[in-house]
C-alpha atoms as a PDB file:
ATOM      1  CA  UNK A   1     -84.358-106.319 -64.176  1.00  0.00           C
ATOM      2  CA  UNK A   2     -85.297-110.009 -64.320  1.00  0.00           C
ATOM      3  CA  UNK A   3     -83.327-112.760 -62.653  1.00  0.00           C
ATOM      4  CA  UNK A   4     -82.072-113.995 -66.029  1.00  0.00           C
ATOM      5  CA  UNK A   5     -80.830-110.532 -67.014  1.00  0.00           C
ATOM      6  CA  UNK A   6     -79.099-110.177 -63.646  1.00  0.00           C
ATOM      7  CA  UNK A   7     -77.314-113.525 -64.119  1.00  0.00           C
ATOM      8  CA  UNK A   8     -76.195-112.555 -67.613  1.00  0.00           C
ATOM      9  CA  UNK A   9     -74.904-109.214 -66.383  1.00  0.00           C
ATOM     10  CA  UNK A  10     -73.058-110.898 -63.516  1.00  0.00           C
ATOM     11  CA  UNK A  11     -71.351-113.222 -66.010  1.00  0.00           C
ATOM     12  CA  UNK A  12     -70.186-110.276 -68.088  1.00  0.00           C
ATOM     13  CA  UNK A  13     -68.878-108.521 -64.970  1.00  0.00           C
ATOM     14  CA  UNK A  14     -67.025-111.721 -64.087  1.00  0.00           C
ATOM     15  CA  UNK A  15     -65.591-111.785 -67.602  1.00  0.00           C
ATOM     16  CA  UNK A  16     -64.301-108.216 -67.210  1.00  0.00           C
ATOM     17  CA  UNK A  17     -62.744-109.120 -63.864  1.00  0.00           C
ATOM     18  CA  UNK A  18     -60.998-112.188 -65.298  1.00  0.00           C
ATOM     19  CA  UNK A  19     -59.589-110.161 -68.186  1.00  0.00           C
ATOM     20  CA  UNK A  20     -58.196-107.527 -65.814  1.00  0.00           C
ATOM     21  CA  UNK A  21     -56.706-110.148 -63.518  1.00  0.00           C
ATOM     22  CA  UNK A  22     -55.127-111.957 -66.453  1.00  0.00           C
ATOM     23  CA  UNK A  23     -53.619-108.738 -67.790  1.00  0.00           C
ATOM     24  CA  UNK A  24     -52.144-107.711 -64.433  1.00  0.00           C
ATOM     25  CA  UNK A  25     -51.216-111.215 -63.271  1.00  0.00           C
ATOM     26  CA  UNK A  26     -47.616-110.239 -62.452  1.00  0.00           C
ATOM     27  CA  UNK A  27     -48.611-107.769 -59.741  1.00  0.00           C
ATOM     28  CA  UNK A  28     -51.497-109.666 -58.149  1.00  0.00           C
ATOM     29  CA  UNK A  29     -49.272-111.090 -55.411  1.00  0.00           C
ATOM     30  CA  UNK A  30     -47.870-107.586 -54.708  1.00  0.00           C
ATOM     31  CA  UNK A  31     -44.294-108.867 -54.634  1.00  0.00           C
ATOM     32  CA  UNK A  32     -43.885-106.382 -57.474  1.00  0.00           C
ATOM     33  CA  UNK A  33     -45.610-102.991 -57.435  1.00  0.00           C
ATOM     34  CA  UNK A  34     -46.433-100.316 -59.992  1.00  0.00           C
ATOM     35  CA  UNK A  35     -43.573 -97.789 -60.083  1.00  0.00           C
ATOM     36  CA  UNK A  36     -43.467 -96.520 -63.660  1.00  0.00           C
ATOM     37  CA  UNK A  37     -42.532 -92.897 -64.301  1.00  0.00           C
ATOM     38  CA  UNK A  38     -44.326 -90.476 -61.937  1.00  0.00           C
ATOM     39  CA  UNK A  39     -45.573 -93.183 -59.576  1.00  0.00           C
ATOM     40  CA  UNK A  40     -42.289 -93.671 -57.745  1.00  0.00           C
ATOM     41  CA  UNK A  41     -41.252 -90.020 -57.634  1.00  0.00           C
ATOM     42  CA  UNK A  42     -44.486 -88.087 -57.163  1.00  0.00           C
ATOM     43  CA  UNK A  43     -47.241 -90.360 -55.888  1.00  0.00           C
ATOM     44  CA  UNK A  44     -45.784 -93.018 -53.600  1.00  0.00           C
ATOM     45  CA  UNK A  45     -43.804 -90.722 -51.205  1.00  0.00           C
ATOM     46  CA  UNK A  46     -46.648 -88.333 -50.220  1.00  0.00           C
ATOM     47  CA  UNK A  47     -49.089 -91.218 -49.958  1.00  0.00           C
ATOM     48  CA  UNK A  48     -46.752 -93.141 -47.665  1.00  0.00           C
ATOM     49  CA  UNK A  49     -46.311 -89.970 -45.603  1.00  0.00           C
ATOM     50  CA  UNK A  50     -49.987 -89.252 -44.966  1.00  0.00           C
ATOM     51  CA  UNK A  51     -50.726 -92.910 -44.273  1.00  0.00           C
ATOM     52  CA  UNK A  52     -47.989 -92.987 -41.625  1.00  0.00           C
ATOM     53  CA  UNK A  53     -49.214 -89.722 -40.124  1.00  0.00           C
ATOM     54  CA  UNK A  54     -52.771 -90.981 -39.836  1.00  0.00           C
ATOM     55  CA  UNK A  55     -51.622 -94.270 -38.327  1.00  0.00           C
ATOM     56  CA  UNK A  56     -49.744 -92.209 -35.726  1.00  0.00           C
ATOM     57  CA  UNK A  57     -52.880 -90.216 -34.946  1.00  0.00           C
ATOM     58  CA  UNK A  58     -51.783 -87.036 -36.767  1.00  0.00           C
ATOM     59  CA  UNK A  59     -54.083 -85.558 -39.386  1.00  0.00           C
ATOM     60  CA  UNK A  60     -51.995 -84.937 -42.550  1.00  0.00           C
ATOM     61  CA  UNK A  61     -52.457 -81.221 -43.107  1.00  0.00           C
ATOM     62  CA  UNK A  62     -48.771 -80.574 -43.754  1.00  0.00           C
ATOM     63  CA  UNK A  63     -45.732 -82.153 -45.389  1.00  0.00           C
ATOM     64  CA  UNK A  64     -42.651 -80.961 -43.464  1.00  0.00           C
ATOM     65  CA  UNK A  65     -40.114 -82.817 -45.631  1.00  0.00           C
ATOM     66  CA  UNK A  66     -40.129 -80.698 -48.816  1.00  0.00           C
ATOM     67  CA  UNK A  67     -38.697 -77.175 -48.949  1.00  0.00           C
ATOM     68  CA  UNK A  68     -39.624 -75.577 -45.608  1.00  0.00           C
ATOM     69  CA  UNK A  69     -42.888 -77.496 -45.602  1.00  0.00           C
ATOM     70  CA  UNK A  70     -45.757 -77.619 -48.101  1.00  0.00           C
ATOM     71  CA  UNK A  71     -49.493 -78.388 -47.793  1.00  0.00           C
ATOM     72  CA  UNK A  72     -50.393 -82.055 -47.937  1.00  0.00           C
ATOM     73  CA  UNK A  73     -54.182 -82.199 -47.609  1.00  0.00           C
ATOM     74  CA  UNK A  74     -54.821 -79.210 -49.877  1.00  0.00           C
ATOM     75  CA  UNK A  75     -52.737 -80.202 -52.901  1.00  0.00           C
ATOM     76  CA  UNK A  76     -55.193 -82.937 -53.999  1.00  0.00           C
ATOM     77  CA  UNK A  77     -52.779 -85.418 -55.617  1.00  0.00           C
ATOM     78  CA  UNK A  78     -52.060 -87.428 -52.446  1.00  0.00           C
ATOM     79  CA  UNK A  79     -55.805 -88.139 -52.229  1.00  0.00           C
ATOM     80  CA  UNK A  80     -56.022 -87.915 -48.455  1.00  0.00           C
ATOM     81  CA  UNK A  81     -59.841 -87.791 -48.476  1.00  0.00           C
ATOM     82  CA  UNK A  82     -60.464 -90.192 -51.377  1.00  0.00           C
ATOM     83  CA  UNK A  83     -62.747 -92.821 -49.776  1.00  0.00           C
ATOM     84  CA  UNK A  84     -61.113 -96.000 -51.224  1.00  0.00           C
ATOM     85  CA  UNK A  85     -57.829 -94.885 -49.658  1.00  0.00           C
ATOM     86  CA  UNK A  86     -59.185 -95.866 -46.239  1.00  0.00           C
ATOM     87  CA  UNK A  87     -57.834 -99.363 -46.872  1.00  0.00           C
ATOM     88  CA  UNK A  88     -54.295 -97.982 -46.508  1.00  0.00           C
ATOM     89  CA  UNK A  89     -54.974 -97.662 -42.788  1.00  0.00           C
ATOM     90  CA  UNK A  90     -55.697-101.369 -42.326  1.00  0.00           C
ATOM     91  CA  UNK A  91     -53.755-103.278 -44.986  1.00  0.00           C
ATOM     92  CA  UNK A  92     -50.101-103.350 -46.108  1.00  0.00           C
ATOM     93  CA  UNK A  93     -49.255-100.486 -48.434  1.00  0.00           C
ATOM     94  CA  UNK A  94     -48.161-102.594 -51.478  1.00  0.00           C
ATOM     95  CA  UNK A  95     -51.423-104.573 -51.437  1.00  0.00           C
ATOM     96  CA  UNK A  96     -53.658-101.494 -51.400  1.00  0.00           C
ATOM     97  CA  UNK A  97     -51.436 -99.661 -53.894  1.00  0.00           C
ATOM     98  CA  UNK A  98     -51.546-102.425 -56.511  1.00  0.00           C
ATOM     99  CA  UNK A  99     -55.128-103.497 -56.039  1.00  0.00           C
ATOM    100  CA  UNK A 100     -56.611 -99.991 -56.135  1.00  0.00           C
ATOM    101  CA  UNK A 101     -54.948 -99.476 -59.510  1.00  0.00           C
ATOM    102  CA  UNK A 102     -56.200-102.832 -60.791  1.00  0.00           C
ATOM    103  CA  UNK A 103     -59.723-102.344 -59.451  1.00  0.00           C
ATOM    104  CA  UNK A 104     -60.053 -98.914 -61.030  1.00  0.00           C
ATOM    105  CA  UNK A 105     -59.410-100.483 -64.427  1.00  0.00           C
ATOM    106  CA  UNK A 106     -62.235-102.891 -63.640  1.00  0.00           C
ATOM    107  CA  UNK A 107     -64.420-100.036 -62.393  1.00  0.00           C
ATOM    108  CA  UNK A 108     -63.886 -98.212 -65.684  1.00  0.00           C
ATOM    109  CA  UNK A 109     -64.916-101.318 -67.610  1.00  0.00           C
ATOM    110  CA  UNK A 110     -68.061-101.847 -65.544  1.00  0.00           C
ATOM    111  CA  UNK A 111     -68.993 -98.186 -65.911  1.00  0.00           C
ATOM    112  CA  UNK A 112     -68.710 -98.271 -69.702  1.00  0.00           C
ATOM    113  CA  UNK A 113     -70.665-101.542 -69.835  1.00  0.00           C
ATOM    114  CA  UNK A 114     -73.545-100.036 -67.839  1.00  0.00           C
ATOM    115  CA  UNK A 115     -73.438 -96.819 -69.863  1.00  0.00           C
ATOM    116  CA  UNK A 116     -73.568 -98.665 -73.196  1.00  0.00           C
ATOM    117  CA  UNK A 117     -76.411-100.863 -71.960  1.00  0.00           C
ATOM    118  CA  UNK A 118     -78.321 -97.735 -70.999  1.00  0.00           C
ATOM    119  CA  UNK A 119     -77.705 -96.439 -74.534  1.00  0.00           C
ATOM    120  CA  UNK A 120     -79.495 -99.585 -75.772  1.00  0.00           C
ATOM    121  CA  UNK A 121     -76.424-101.519 -76.834  1.00  0.00           C
ATOM    122  CA  UNK A 122     -76.593-105.307 -76.914  1.00  0.00           C
ATOM    123  CA  UNK A 123     -74.991-107.303 -74.091  1.00  0.00           C
ATOM    124  CA  UNK A 124     -72.180-108.377 -76.394  1.00  0.00           C
ATOM    125  CA  UNK A 125     -71.634-104.866 -77.732  1.00  0.00           C
ATOM    126  CA  UNK A 126     -71.535-103.391 -74.237  1.00  0.00           C
ATOM    127  CA  UNK A 127     -69.034-106.039 -73.142  1.00  0.00           C
ATOM    128  CA  UNK A 128     -66.740-105.442 -76.115  1.00  0.00           C
ATOM    129  CA  UNK A 129     -66.932-101.677 -75.600  1.00  0.00           C
ATOM    130  CA  UNK A 130     -66.087-102.116 -71.927  1.00  0.00           C
ATOM    131  CA  UNK A 131     -63.030-104.252 -72.707  1.00  0.00           C
ATOM    132  CA  UNK A 132     -61.825-101.776 -75.347  1.00  0.00           C
ATOM    133  CA  UNK A 133     -62.052 -98.852 -72.930  1.00  0.00           C
ATOM    134  CA  UNK A 134     -60.760-100.803 -69.931  1.00  0.00           C
ATOM    135  CA  UNK A 135     -57.529-101.820 -71.694  1.00  0.00           C
ATOM    136  CA  UNK A 136     -57.290 -98.797 -73.973  1.00  0.00           C
ATOM    137  CA  UNK A 137     -54.010 -97.081 -74.643  1.00  0.00           C
ATOM    138  CA  UNK A 138     -55.268 -94.028 -72.783  1.00  0.00           C
ATOM    139  CA  UNK A 139     -56.029 -95.801 -69.508  1.00  0.00           C
ATOM    140  CA  UNK A 140     -52.851 -97.857 -69.654  1.00  0.00           C
ATOM    141  CA  UNK A 141     -50.803 -94.710 -70.270  1.00  0.00           C
ATOM    142  CA  UNK A 142     -52.360 -92.657 -67.449  1.00  0.00           C
ATOM    143  CA  UNK A 143     -51.944 -95.303 -64.778  1.00  0.00           C
ATOM    144  CA  UNK A 144     -48.661 -93.549 -63.940  1.00  0.00           C
ATOM    145  CA  UNK A 145     -50.721 -90.358 -63.420  1.00  0.00           C
ATOM    146  CA  UNK A 146     -52.677 -92.040 -60.698  1.00  0.00           C
ATOM    147  CA  UNK A 147     -55.347 -89.390 -59.999  1.00  0.00           C
ATOM    148  CA  UNK A 148     -56.267 -89.321 -63.689  1.00  0.00           C
ATOM    149  CA  UNK A 149     -56.804 -93.078 -63.790  1.00  0.00           C
ATOM    150  CA  UNK A 150     -58.949 -92.971 -60.660  1.00  0.00           C
ATOM    151  CA  UNK A 151     -61.001 -89.984 -61.876  1.00  0.00           C
ATOM    152  CA  UNK A 152     -61.593 -91.300 -65.396  1.00  0.00           C
ATOM    153  CA  UNK A 153     -62.929 -94.578 -63.962  1.00  0.00           C
ATOM    154  CA  UNK A 154     -65.872 -92.599 -62.492  1.00  0.00           C
ATOM    155  CA  UNK A 155     -66.633 -90.710 -65.714  1.00  0.00           C
ATOM    156  CA  UNK A 156     -69.097 -93.246 -67.223  1.00  0.00           C
ATOM    157  CA  UNK A 157     -71.046 -93.267 -63.959  1.00  0.00           C
ATOM    158  CA  UNK A 158     -71.335 -89.451 -64.058  1.00  0.00           C
ATOM    159  CA  UNK A 159     -72.863 -89.514 -67.546  1.00  0.00           C
ATOM    160  CA  UNK A 160     -75.074 -92.500 -66.771  1.00  0.00           C
ATOM    161  CA  UNK A 161     -76.526 -90.885 -63.634  1.00  0.00           C
ATOM    162  CA  UNK A 162     -77.360 -87.612 -65.382  1.00  0.00           C
ATOM    163  CA  UNK A 163     -79.031 -89.379 -68.312  1.00  0.00           C
ATOM    164  CA  UNK A 164     -81.082 -91.456 -65.869  1.00  0.00           C
ATOM    165  CA  UNK A 165     -82.122 -88.268 -64.109  1.00  0.00           C
ATOM    166  CA  UNK A 166     -83.217 -86.715 -67.394  1.00  0.00           C
ATOM    167  CA  UNK A 167     -85.312 -89.775 -68.177  1.00  0.00           C
ATOM    168  CA  UNK A 168     -86.724 -90.703 -64.768  1.00  0.00           C
ATOM    169  CA  UNK A 169     -86.513 -87.370 -62.927  1.00  0.00           C
ATOM    170  CA  UNK A 170     -85.550 -89.154 -59.718  1.00  0.00           C
ATOM    171  CA  UNK A 171     -83.477 -86.881 -57.498  1.00  0.00           C
ATOM    172  CA  UNK A 172     -81.312 -89.777 -56.335  1.00  0.00           C
ATOM    173  CA  UNK A 173     -79.771 -89.988 -59.813  1.00  0.00           C
ATOM    174  CA  UNK A 174     -78.833 -86.302 -59.726  1.00  0.00           C
ATOM    175  CA  UNK A 175     -77.356 -86.822 -56.258  1.00  0.00           C
ATOM    176  CA  UNK A 176     -75.363 -89.797 -57.544  1.00  0.00           C
ATOM    177  CA  UNK A 177     -73.988 -87.707 -60.402  1.00  0.00           C
ATOM    178  CA  UNK A 178     -72.786 -85.097 -57.894  1.00  0.00           C
ATOM    179  CA  UNK A 179     -71.297 -87.822 -55.702  1.00  0.00           C
ATOM    180  CA  UNK A 180     -69.379 -89.292 -58.638  1.00  0.00           C
ATOM    181  CA  UNK A 181     -68.029 -85.820 -59.446  1.00  0.00           C
ATOM    182  CA  UNK A 182     -66.887 -85.563 -55.827  1.00  0.00           C
ATOM    183  CA  UNK A 183     -65.095 -88.895 -56.196  1.00  0.00           C
ATOM    184  CA  UNK A 184     -63.289 -87.547 -59.252  1.00  0.00           C
ATOM    185  CA  UNK A 185     -62.221 -84.431 -57.361  1.00  0.00           C
ATOM    186  CA  UNK A 186     -61.123 -86.237 -54.204  1.00  0.00           C
ATOM    187  CA  UNK A 187     -59.049 -88.641 -56.287  1.00  0.00           C
ATOM    188  CA  UNK A 188     -56.865 -85.646 -57.132  1.00  0.00           C
ATOM    189  CA  UNK A 189     -57.597 -84.834 -60.786  1.00  0.00           C
ATOM    190  CA  UNK A 190     -59.378 -81.478 -61.175  1.00  0.00           C
ATOM    191  CA  UNK A 191     -58.627 -81.567 -64.922  1.00  0.00           C
ATOM    192  CA  UNK A 192     -60.747 -84.688 -65.372  1.00  0.00           C
ATOM    193  CA  UNK A 193     -63.454 -83.142 -63.202  1.00  0.00           C
ATOM    194  CA  UNK A 194     -63.580 -80.033 -65.395  1.00  0.00           C
ATOM    195  CA  UNK A 195     -63.851 -82.153 -68.534  1.00  0.00           C
ATOM    196  CA  UNK A 196     -66.638 -84.167 -66.927  1.00  0.00           C
ATOM    197  CA  UNK A 197     -68.552 -80.997 -66.065  1.00  0.00           C
ATOM    198  CA  UNK A 198     -68.027 -79.795 -69.636  1.00  0.00           C
ATOM    199  CA  UNK A 199     -69.427 -83.103 -70.949  1.00  0.00           C
ATOM    200  CA  UNK A 200     -72.450 -82.741 -68.657  1.00  0.00           C
ATOM    201  CA  UNK A 201     -73.027 -79.239 -69.962  1.00  0.00           C
ATOM    202  CA  UNK A 202     -72.924 -80.491 -73.549  1.00  0.00           C
ATOM    203  CA  UNK A 203     -75.418 -83.305 -73.002  1.00  0.00           C
ATOM    204  CA  UNK A 204     -77.643 -80.883 -71.098  1.00  0.00           C
ATOM    205  CA  UNK A 205     -77.731 -78.653 -74.170  1.00  0.00           C
ATOM    206  CA  UNK A 206     -77.765 -81.453 -76.746  1.00  0.00           C
ATOM    207  CA  UNK A 207     -79.054 -84.622 -75.059  1.00  0.00           C
ATOM    208  CA  UNK A 208     -78.900 -87.992 -76.807  1.00  0.00           C
ATOM    209  CA  UNK A 209     -82.090 -89.648 -77.958  1.00  0.00           C
ATOM    210  CA  UNK A 210     -84.464 -89.726 -74.983  1.00  0.00           C
ATOM    211  CA  UNK A 211     -88.011 -91.062 -74.551  1.00  0.00           C
ATOM    212  CA  UNK A 212     -90.941 -88.987 -75.776  1.00  0.00           C
ATOM    213  CA  UNK A 213     -91.514 -87.780 -72.216  1.00  0.00           C
ATOM    214  CA  UNK A 214     -87.989 -86.364 -72.042  1.00  0.00           C
ATOM    215  CA  UNK A 215     -87.599 -83.147 -70.017  1.00  0.00           C
ATOM    216  CA  UNK A 216     -87.401 -79.785 -71.700  1.00  0.00           C
ATOM    217  CA  UNK A 217     -84.429 -77.506 -72.178  1.00  0.00           C
ATOM    218  CA  UNK A 218     -84.879 -75.466 -69.006  1.00  0.00           C
ATOM    219  CA  UNK A 219     -85.311 -78.570 -66.856  1.00  0.00           C
ATOM    220  CA  UNK A 220     -82.027 -79.962 -68.188  1.00  0.00           C
ATOM    221  CA  UNK A 221     -80.199 -76.704 -67.504  1.00  0.00           C
ATOM    222  CA  UNK A 222     -81.644 -76.508 -63.967  1.00  0.00           C
ATOM    223  CA  UNK A 223     -80.628 -80.126 -63.443  1.00  0.00           C
ATOM    224  CA  UNK A 224     -77.085 -79.398 -64.588  1.00  0.00           C
ATOM    225  CA  UNK A 225     -76.809 -76.422 -62.236  1.00  0.00           C
ATOM    226  CA  UNK A 226     -78.249 -78.493 -59.378  1.00  0.00           C
ATOM    227  CA  UNK A 227     -75.680 -81.273 -59.925  1.00  0.00           C
ATOM    228  CA  UNK A 228     -72.816 -78.755 -59.992  1.00  0.00           C
ATOM    229  CA  UNK A 229     -74.096 -76.888 -56.918  1.00  0.00           C
ATOM    230  CA  UNK A 230     -74.482 -80.118 -54.949  1.00  0.00           C
ATOM    231  CA  UNK A 231     -70.965 -81.121 -55.970  1.00  0.00           C
ATOM    232  CA  UNK A 232     -69.614 -77.797 -54.640  1.00  0.00           C
ATOM    233  CA  UNK A 233     -71.320 -78.369 -51.301  1.00  0.00           C
ATOM    234  CA  UNK A 234     -70.228 -81.993 -50.939  1.00  0.00           C
ATOM    235  CA  UNK A 235     -66.621 -81.292 -51.917  1.00  0.00           C
ATOM    236  CA  UNK A 236     -66.159 -78.095 -49.892  1.00  0.00           C
ATOM    237  CA  UNK A 237     -64.033 -79.808 -47.239  1.00  0.00           C
ATOM    238  CA  UNK A 238     -61.384 -80.402 -49.918  1.00  0.00           C
ATOM    239  CA  UNK A 239     -62.303 -77.697 -52.412  1.00  0.00           C
ATOM    240  CA  UNK A 240     -61.769 -74.712 -50.105  1.00  0.00           C
ATOM    241  CA  UNK A 241     -58.230 -75.646 -48.981  1.00  0.00           C
ATOM    242  CA  UNK A 242     -57.361 -76.462 -52.591  1.00  0.00           C
ATOM    243  CA  UNK A 243     -58.669 -73.104 -53.782  1.00  0.00           C
ATOM    244  CA  UNK A 244     -56.585 -71.292 -51.166  1.00  0.00           C
ATOM    245  CA  UNK A 245     -53.418 -73.130 -52.228  1.00  0.00           C
ATOM    246  CA  UNK A 246     -54.185 -72.379 -55.874  1.00  0.00           C
ATOM    247  CA  UNK A 247     -54.532 -68.675 -55.075  1.00  0.00           C
ATOM    248  CA  UNK A 248     -51.084 -68.688 -53.452  1.00  0.00           C
ATOM    249  CA  UNK A 249     -49.402 -70.643 -56.244  1.00  0.00           C
ATOM    250  CA  UNK A 250     -46.624 -69.062 -58.305  1.00  0.00           C
ATOM    251  CA  UNK A 251     -48.649 -70.190 -61.354  1.00  0.00           C
ATOM    252  CA  UNK A 252     -51.689 -68.160 -60.306  1.00  0.00           C
ATOM    253  CA  UNK A 253     -50.775 -65.470 -62.809  1.00  0.00           C
ATOM    254  CA  UNK A 254     -50.505 -67.969 -65.643  1.00  0.00           C
ATOM    255  CA  UNK A 255     -47.565 -69.295 -67.641  1.00  0.00           C
ATOM    256  CA  UNK A 256     -45.527 -67.669 -70.344  1.00  0.00           C
ATOM    257  CA  UNK A 257     -46.062 -68.901 -73.904  1.00  0.00           C
ATOM    258  CA  UNK A 258     -42.645 -70.599 -73.811  1.00  0.00           C
ATOM    259  CA  UNK A 259     -43.467 -72.525 -70.641  1.00  0.00           C
ATOM    260  CA  UNK A 260     -46.941 -73.481 -71.827  1.00  0.00           C
ATOM    261  CA  UNK A 261     -45.762 -74.717 -75.226  1.00  0.00           C
ATOM    262  CA  UNK A 262     -42.408 -76.297 -74.382  1.00  0.00           C
ATOM    263  CA  UNK A 263     -43.752 -79.866 -74.619  1.00  0.00           C
ATOM    264  CA  UNK A 264     -46.170 -79.202 -77.477  1.00  0.00           C
ATOM    265  CA  UNK A 265     -46.050 -81.416 -80.532  1.00  0.00           C
ATOM    266  CA  UNK A 266     -43.874 -79.966 -83.273  1.00  0.00           C
ATOM    267  CA  UNK A 267     -45.255 -79.763 -86.804  1.00  0.00           C
ATOM    268  CA  UNK A 268     -42.884 -82.472 -87.995  1.00  0.00           C
ATOM    269  CA  UNK A 269     -44.247 -84.788 -85.275  1.00  0.00           C
ATOM    270  CA  UNK A 270     -47.787 -83.944 -86.348  1.00  0.00           C
ATOM    271  CA  UNK A 271     -46.938 -84.990 -89.907  1.00  0.00           C
ATOM    272  CA  UNK A 272     -45.203 -88.147 -88.658  1.00  0.00           C
ATOM    273  CA  UNK A 273     -48.355 -89.033 -86.745  1.00  0.00           C
ATOM    274  CA  UNK A 274     -50.230 -89.483 -90.024  1.00  0.00           C
ATOM    275  CA  UNK A 275     -47.307 -91.138 -91.803  1.00  0.00           C
END
């Protein structure tokens, strides 16, 4: 990348940052914090708990305050091992809480920009695509499901790394793809992780337009398996406790049809969607 291209890209990144800051201007000072819907009831309390435990020198394996005690590390959603959460140990909770949410919107925008540039989009097209995704209805709606927001922000980087590995065959790109999958998992959203792995499987079978020297079918499949295997190894410290908790869950045997469909969209709502 030339110096001119780097300066242009830096300007677009600055533009994305300014848009995010302008959109979230009310919470930049942290005198107000994000508390909509599930944030206040499900995500703030366990996060405050494990931060206090760690500050007191106690590793947060267990939450003694619900029922007769429940796992804390193993249940994923508190994100005990999610690397960006380290700032909770050094900075006031409201500052880290607000700014991690804001910065993950920016991260999502940067990821889509880089992905679209790799797909040979123009600078302007990549920027517009990044803004559309960054402030999309989906991202704005899942900010109250915090792990989903954090995990989705890494999704463009997962795809970008795998496509770069297909094209350049440099192992570091495969390793980066696995690392980004680990970030999705540690953020607390296994659903997003599974969809990311599914997307990787699809592009391994049906890759987008690649250079003439693109790898063959069996190389892509081996690459996909390598990325998944490396993810399993890197995430084992969180994956194994999570798997044990899952095996002991009352939902291990599945849900009844009534429970699984209780919030499904009724036919009349489906018709209203088009109207």
